[in-house]
Amino acid sequence: MRSPRVAETLNAEGHVVIALRDVGGLGEPDYKILRRCVDGDFVLVTQDARDFRRLIAREEVHPGLIILPNLDRQRTQTLLRQAIDHLDRYGDPVDLMVNRVLEMTAVGSLRLDDLPTDTAPGLAEP
């Protein structure tokens, strides 16, 4: 997560969200950020769909990727909360995100796909 304020708010709600700034990750190359997430078993939240989709697809097993549009902090927080709530309806969001990418649009529609496509079973969308 890039925004420490979004992380703080979601952590106060009981989620575990880490902002890159808080762990000395600002300015790190994307592959190092991804490695932090894979090694720490953290779902990666980003606005950089192209680069992280490509990088994470190379991982045999990864904790998941949530892609949000580039919006202001408040809207980003709202969309991330909606993504978590959506996943929560199907079980433990952390478990459901393994080898998956969830991409949201600015209006809140979402798509959940397996990534890489040949290693994880699909999850039906409502």
C-alpha atoms as a PDB file:
ATOM      1  CA  MET A   1       0.000   0.000   0.000  1.00  0.00           C
ATOM      2  CA  ARG A   2       1.367   3.413  -0.881  1.00  0.00           C
ATOM      3  CA  SER A   3      -0.750   5.531   1.442  1.00  0.00           C
ATOM      4  CA  PRO A   4       0.102   5.307   5.135  1.00  0.00           C
ATOM      5  CA  ARG A   5      -3.261   6.911   6.009  1.00  0.00           C
ATOM      6  CA  VAL A   6      -5.201   4.243   4.138  1.00  0.00           C
ATOM      7  CA  ALA A   7      -3.135   1.600   5.893  1.00  0.00           C
ATOM      8  CA  GLU A   8      -3.762   3.197   9.300  1.00  0.00           C
ATOM      9  CA  THR A   9      -7.517   3.377   8.747  1.00  0.00           C
ATOM     10  CA  LEU A  10      -7.834  -0.209   7.540  1.00  0.00           C
ATOM     11  CA  ASN A  11      -5.582  -1.473  10.333  1.00  0.00           C
ATOM     12  CA  ALA A  12      -7.887   0.246  12.843  1.00  0.00           C
ATOM     13  CA  GLU A  13     -10.738  -1.791  11.318  1.00  0.00           C
ATOM     14  CA  GLY A  14      -8.884  -5.039  12.020  1.00  0.00           C
ATOM     15  CA  HIS A  15      -7.086  -5.604   8.728  1.00  0.00           C
ATOM     16  CA  VAL A  16      -3.332  -5.950   8.361  1.00  0.00           C
ATOM     17  CA  VAL A  17      -2.172  -3.341   5.856  1.00  0.00           C
ATOM     18  CA  ILE A  18       1.419  -2.173   5.503  1.00  0.00           C
ATOM     19  CA  ALA A  19       2.411   0.997   3.674  1.00  0.00           C
ATOM     20  CA  LEU A  20       5.694   0.852   1.783  1.00  0.00           C
ATOM     21  CA  ARG A  21       6.888   4.002   3.500  1.00  0.00           C
ATOM     22  CA  ASP A  22       6.537   2.365   6.893  1.00  0.00           C
ATOM     23  CA  VAL A  23       8.916  -0.467   5.980  1.00  0.00           C
ATOM     24  CA  GLY A  24      11.479   1.555   4.048  1.00  0.00           C
ATOM     25  CA  GLY A  25      10.171   0.442   0.678  1.00  0.00           C
ATOM     26  CA  LEU A  26       9.587   3.774  -1.063  1.00  0.00           C
ATOM     27  CA  GLY A  27      11.666   3.999  -4.207  1.00  0.00           C
ATOM     28  CA  GLU A  28      12.386   0.279  -4.362  1.00  0.00           C
ATOM     29  CA  PRO A  29      12.137  -1.386  -7.757  1.00  0.00           C
ATOM     30  CA  ASP A  30       8.927  -3.293  -8.398  1.00  0.00           C
ATOM     31  CA  TYR A  31      10.608  -6.698  -8.261  1.00  0.00           C
ATOM     32  CA  LYS A  32      11.869  -5.979  -4.717  1.00  0.00           C
ATOM     33  CA  ILE A  33       8.425  -4.833  -3.592  1.00  0.00           C
ATOM     34  CA  LEU A  34       6.939  -8.020  -5.000  1.00  0.00           C
ATOM     35  CA  ARG A  35       9.608 -10.110  -3.244  1.00  0.00           C
ATOM     36  CA  ARG A  36       8.721  -8.434   0.083  1.00  0.00           C
ATOM     37  CA  CYS A  37       5.074  -9.376  -0.435  1.00  0.00           C
ATOM     38  CA  VAL A  38       5.744 -12.945  -1.534  1.00  0.00           C
ATOM     39  CA  ASP A  39       8.234 -13.565   1.287  1.00  0.00           C
ATOM     40  CA  GLY A  40       5.933 -11.965   3.878  1.00  0.00           C
ATOM     41  CA  ASP A  41       2.783 -13.605   2.462  1.00  0.00           C
ATOM     42  CA  PHE A  42       1.124 -10.215   1.882  1.00  0.00           C
ATOM     43  CA  VAL A  43      -1.423  -9.512  -0.844  1.00  0.00           C
ATOM     44  CA  LEU A  44       0.064  -6.721  -2.950  1.00  0.00           C
ATOM     45  CA  VAL A  45      -2.150  -3.680  -3.543  1.00  0.00           C
ATOM     46  CA  THR A  46      -1.074  -1.453  -6.428  1.00  0.00           C
ATOM     47  CA  GLN A  47      -2.167   0.969  -9.106  1.00  0.00           C
ATOM     48  CA  ASP A  48       0.571  -0.297 -11.433  1.00  0.00           C
ATOM     49  CA  ALA A  49      -1.372  -3.037 -13.188  1.00  0.00           C
ATOM     50  CA  ARG A  50       0.903  -3.654 -16.151  1.00  0.00           C
ATOM     51  CA  ASP A  51       4.204  -4.071 -14.322  1.00  0.00           C
ATOM     52  CA  PHE A  52       2.962  -6.039 -11.331  1.00  0.00           C
ATOM     53  CA  ARG A  53       0.687  -8.298 -13.374  1.00  0.00           C
ATOM     54  CA  ARG A  54       3.715  -9.233 -15.488  1.00  0.00           C
ATOM     55  CA  LEU A  55       6.009  -9.739 -12.486  1.00  0.00           C
ATOM     56  CA  ILE A  56       3.592 -11.720 -10.355  1.00  0.00           C
ATOM     57  CA  ALA A  57       2.678 -14.017 -13.266  1.00  0.00           C
ATOM     58  CA  ARG A  58       6.242 -15.353 -13.073  1.00  0.00           C
ATOM     59  CA  GLU A  59       5.688 -16.590  -9.520  1.00  0.00           C
ATOM     60  CA  GLU A  60       4.607 -20.196  -9.139  1.00  0.00           C
ATOM     61  CA  VAL A  61       2.771 -19.333  -5.908  1.00  0.00           C
ATOM     62  CA  HIS A  62       1.995 -15.815  -4.699  1.00  0.00           C
ATOM     63  CA  PRO A  63      -0.300 -14.308  -2.058  1.00  0.00           C
ATOM     64  CA  GLY A  64      -2.326 -12.292  -4.571  1.00  0.00           C
ATOM     65  CA  LEU A  65      -2.563  -8.944  -6.277  1.00  0.00           C
ATOM     66  CA  ILE A  66      -5.219  -6.242  -5.922  1.00  0.00           C
ATOM     67  CA  ILE A  67      -5.152  -3.608  -8.649  1.00  0.00           C
ATOM     68  CA  LEU A  68      -6.914  -0.317  -8.020  1.00  0.00           C
ATOM     69  CA  PRO A  69      -7.298   2.682 -10.325  1.00  0.00           C
ATOM     70  CA  ASN A  70      -5.234   5.780  -9.598  1.00  0.00           C
ATOM     71  CA  LEU A  71      -7.616   7.779  -7.378  1.00  0.00           C
ATOM     72  CA  ASP A  72      -7.453  10.036  -4.337  1.00  0.00           C
ATOM     73  CA  ARG A  73      -6.811   8.540  -0.909  1.00  0.00           C
ATOM     74  CA  GLN A  74     -10.460   8.468   0.213  1.00  0.00           C
ATOM     75  CA  ARG A  75     -11.702   6.720  -2.926  1.00  0.00           C
ATOM     76  CA  THR A  76      -8.767   4.287  -2.814  1.00  0.00           C
ATOM     77  CA  GLN A  77      -9.681   3.405   0.768  1.00  0.00           C
ATOM     78  CA  THR A  78     -13.333   2.912  -0.179  1.00  0.00           C
ATOM     79  CA  LEU A  79     -12.473   0.639  -3.119  1.00  0.00           C
ATOM     80  CA  LEU A  80     -10.037  -1.426  -1.088  1.00  0.00           C
ATOM     81  CA  ARG A  81     -12.643  -1.883   1.632  1.00  0.00           C
ATOM     82  CA  GLN A  82     -15.168  -2.995  -1.043  1.00  0.00           C
ATOM     83  CA  ALA A  83     -12.644  -5.495  -2.415  1.00  0.00           C
ATOM     84  CA  ILE A  84     -12.040  -6.962   1.050  1.00  0.00           C
ATOM     85  CA  ASP A  85     -15.785  -7.146   1.749  1.00  0.00           C
ATOM     86  CA  HIS A  86     -16.375  -8.883  -1.590  1.00  0.00           C
ATOM     87  CA  LEU A  87     -13.722 -11.494  -0.890  1.00  0.00           C
ATOM     88  CA  ASP A  88     -14.952 -11.941   2.670  1.00  0.00           C
ATOM     89  CA  ARG A  89     -18.310 -13.175   1.350  1.00  0.00           C
ATOM     90  CA  TYR A  90     -16.531 -16.246  -0.083  1.00  0.00           C
ATOM     91  CA  GLY A  91     -14.316 -17.088   2.893  1.00  0.00           C
ATOM     92  CA  ASP A  92     -10.987 -15.850   4.207  1.00  0.00           C
ATOM     93  CA  PRO A  93      -9.811 -13.111   1.802  1.00  0.00           C
ATOM     94  CA  VAL A  94      -6.154 -14.006   2.350  1.00  0.00           C
ATOM     95  CA  ASP A  95      -6.777 -17.638   1.370  1.00  0.00           C
ATOM     96  CA  LEU A  96      -8.959 -16.691  -1.590  1.00  0.00           C
ATOM     97  CA  MET A  97      -6.328 -14.364  -3.049  1.00  0.00           C
ATOM     98  CA  VAL A  98      -3.594 -16.995  -3.386  1.00  0.00           C
ATOM     99  CA  ASN A  99      -2.551 -16.976  -7.070  1.00  0.00           C
ATOM    100  CA  ARG A 100      -5.299 -14.530  -7.954  1.00  0.00           C
ATOM    101  CA  VAL A 101      -5.575 -10.955  -9.114  1.00  0.00           C
ATOM    102  CA  LEU A 102      -8.546  -8.772  -8.251  1.00  0.00           C
ATOM    103  CA  GLU A 103      -8.884  -5.665 -10.388  1.00  0.00           C
ATOM    104  CA  MET A 104     -11.321  -2.868  -9.571  1.00  0.00           C
ATOM    105  CA  THR A 105     -12.573   0.017 -11.658  1.00  0.00           C
ATOM    106  CA  ALA A 106     -13.202   3.553 -10.415  1.00  0.00           C
ATOM    107  CA  VAL A 107     -16.940   2.787 -10.139  1.00  0.00           C
ATOM    108  CA  GLY A 108     -16.323  -0.271  -7.978  1.00  0.00           C
ATOM    109  CA  SER A 109     -16.865  -3.113 -10.426  1.00  0.00           C
ATOM    110  CA  LEU A 110     -14.358  -5.889 -10.017  1.00  0.00           C
ATOM    111  CA  ARG A 111     -12.908  -8.884 -11.738  1.00  0.00           C
ATOM    112  CA  LEU A 112     -11.156 -11.781 -10.034  1.00  0.00           C
ATOM    113  CA  ASP A 113      -8.845 -13.945 -12.146  1.00  0.00           C
ATOM    114  CA  ASP A 114      -6.307 -16.664 -11.575  1.00  0.00           C
ATOM    115  CA  LEU A 115      -2.706 -15.610 -12.151  1.00  0.00           C
ATOM    116  CA  PRO A 116      -0.808 -17.482 -13.359  1.00  0.00           C
ATOM    117  CA  THR A 117      -3.779 -18.953 -15.164  1.00  0.00           C
ATOM    118  CA  ASP A 118      -2.699 -22.602 -15.019  1.00  0.00           C
ATOM    119  CA  THR A 119      -2.170 -23.026 -11.247  1.00  0.00           C
ATOM    120  CA  ALA A 120      -5.307 -21.920  -9.378  1.00  0.00           C
ATOM    121  CA  PRO A 121      -8.954 -22.970  -9.615  1.00  0.00           C
ATOM    122  CA  GLY A 122     -11.426 -20.262 -10.634  1.00  0.00           C
ATOM    123  CA  LEU A 123     -13.800 -18.514  -8.251  1.00  0.00           C
ATOM    124  CA  ALA A 124     -17.250 -17.780  -9.592  1.00  0.00           C
ATOM    125  CA  GLU A 125     -18.266 -14.142  -9.625  1.00  0.00           C
ATOM    126  CA  PRO A 126     -21.753 -13.194  -8.381  1.00  0.00           C
END
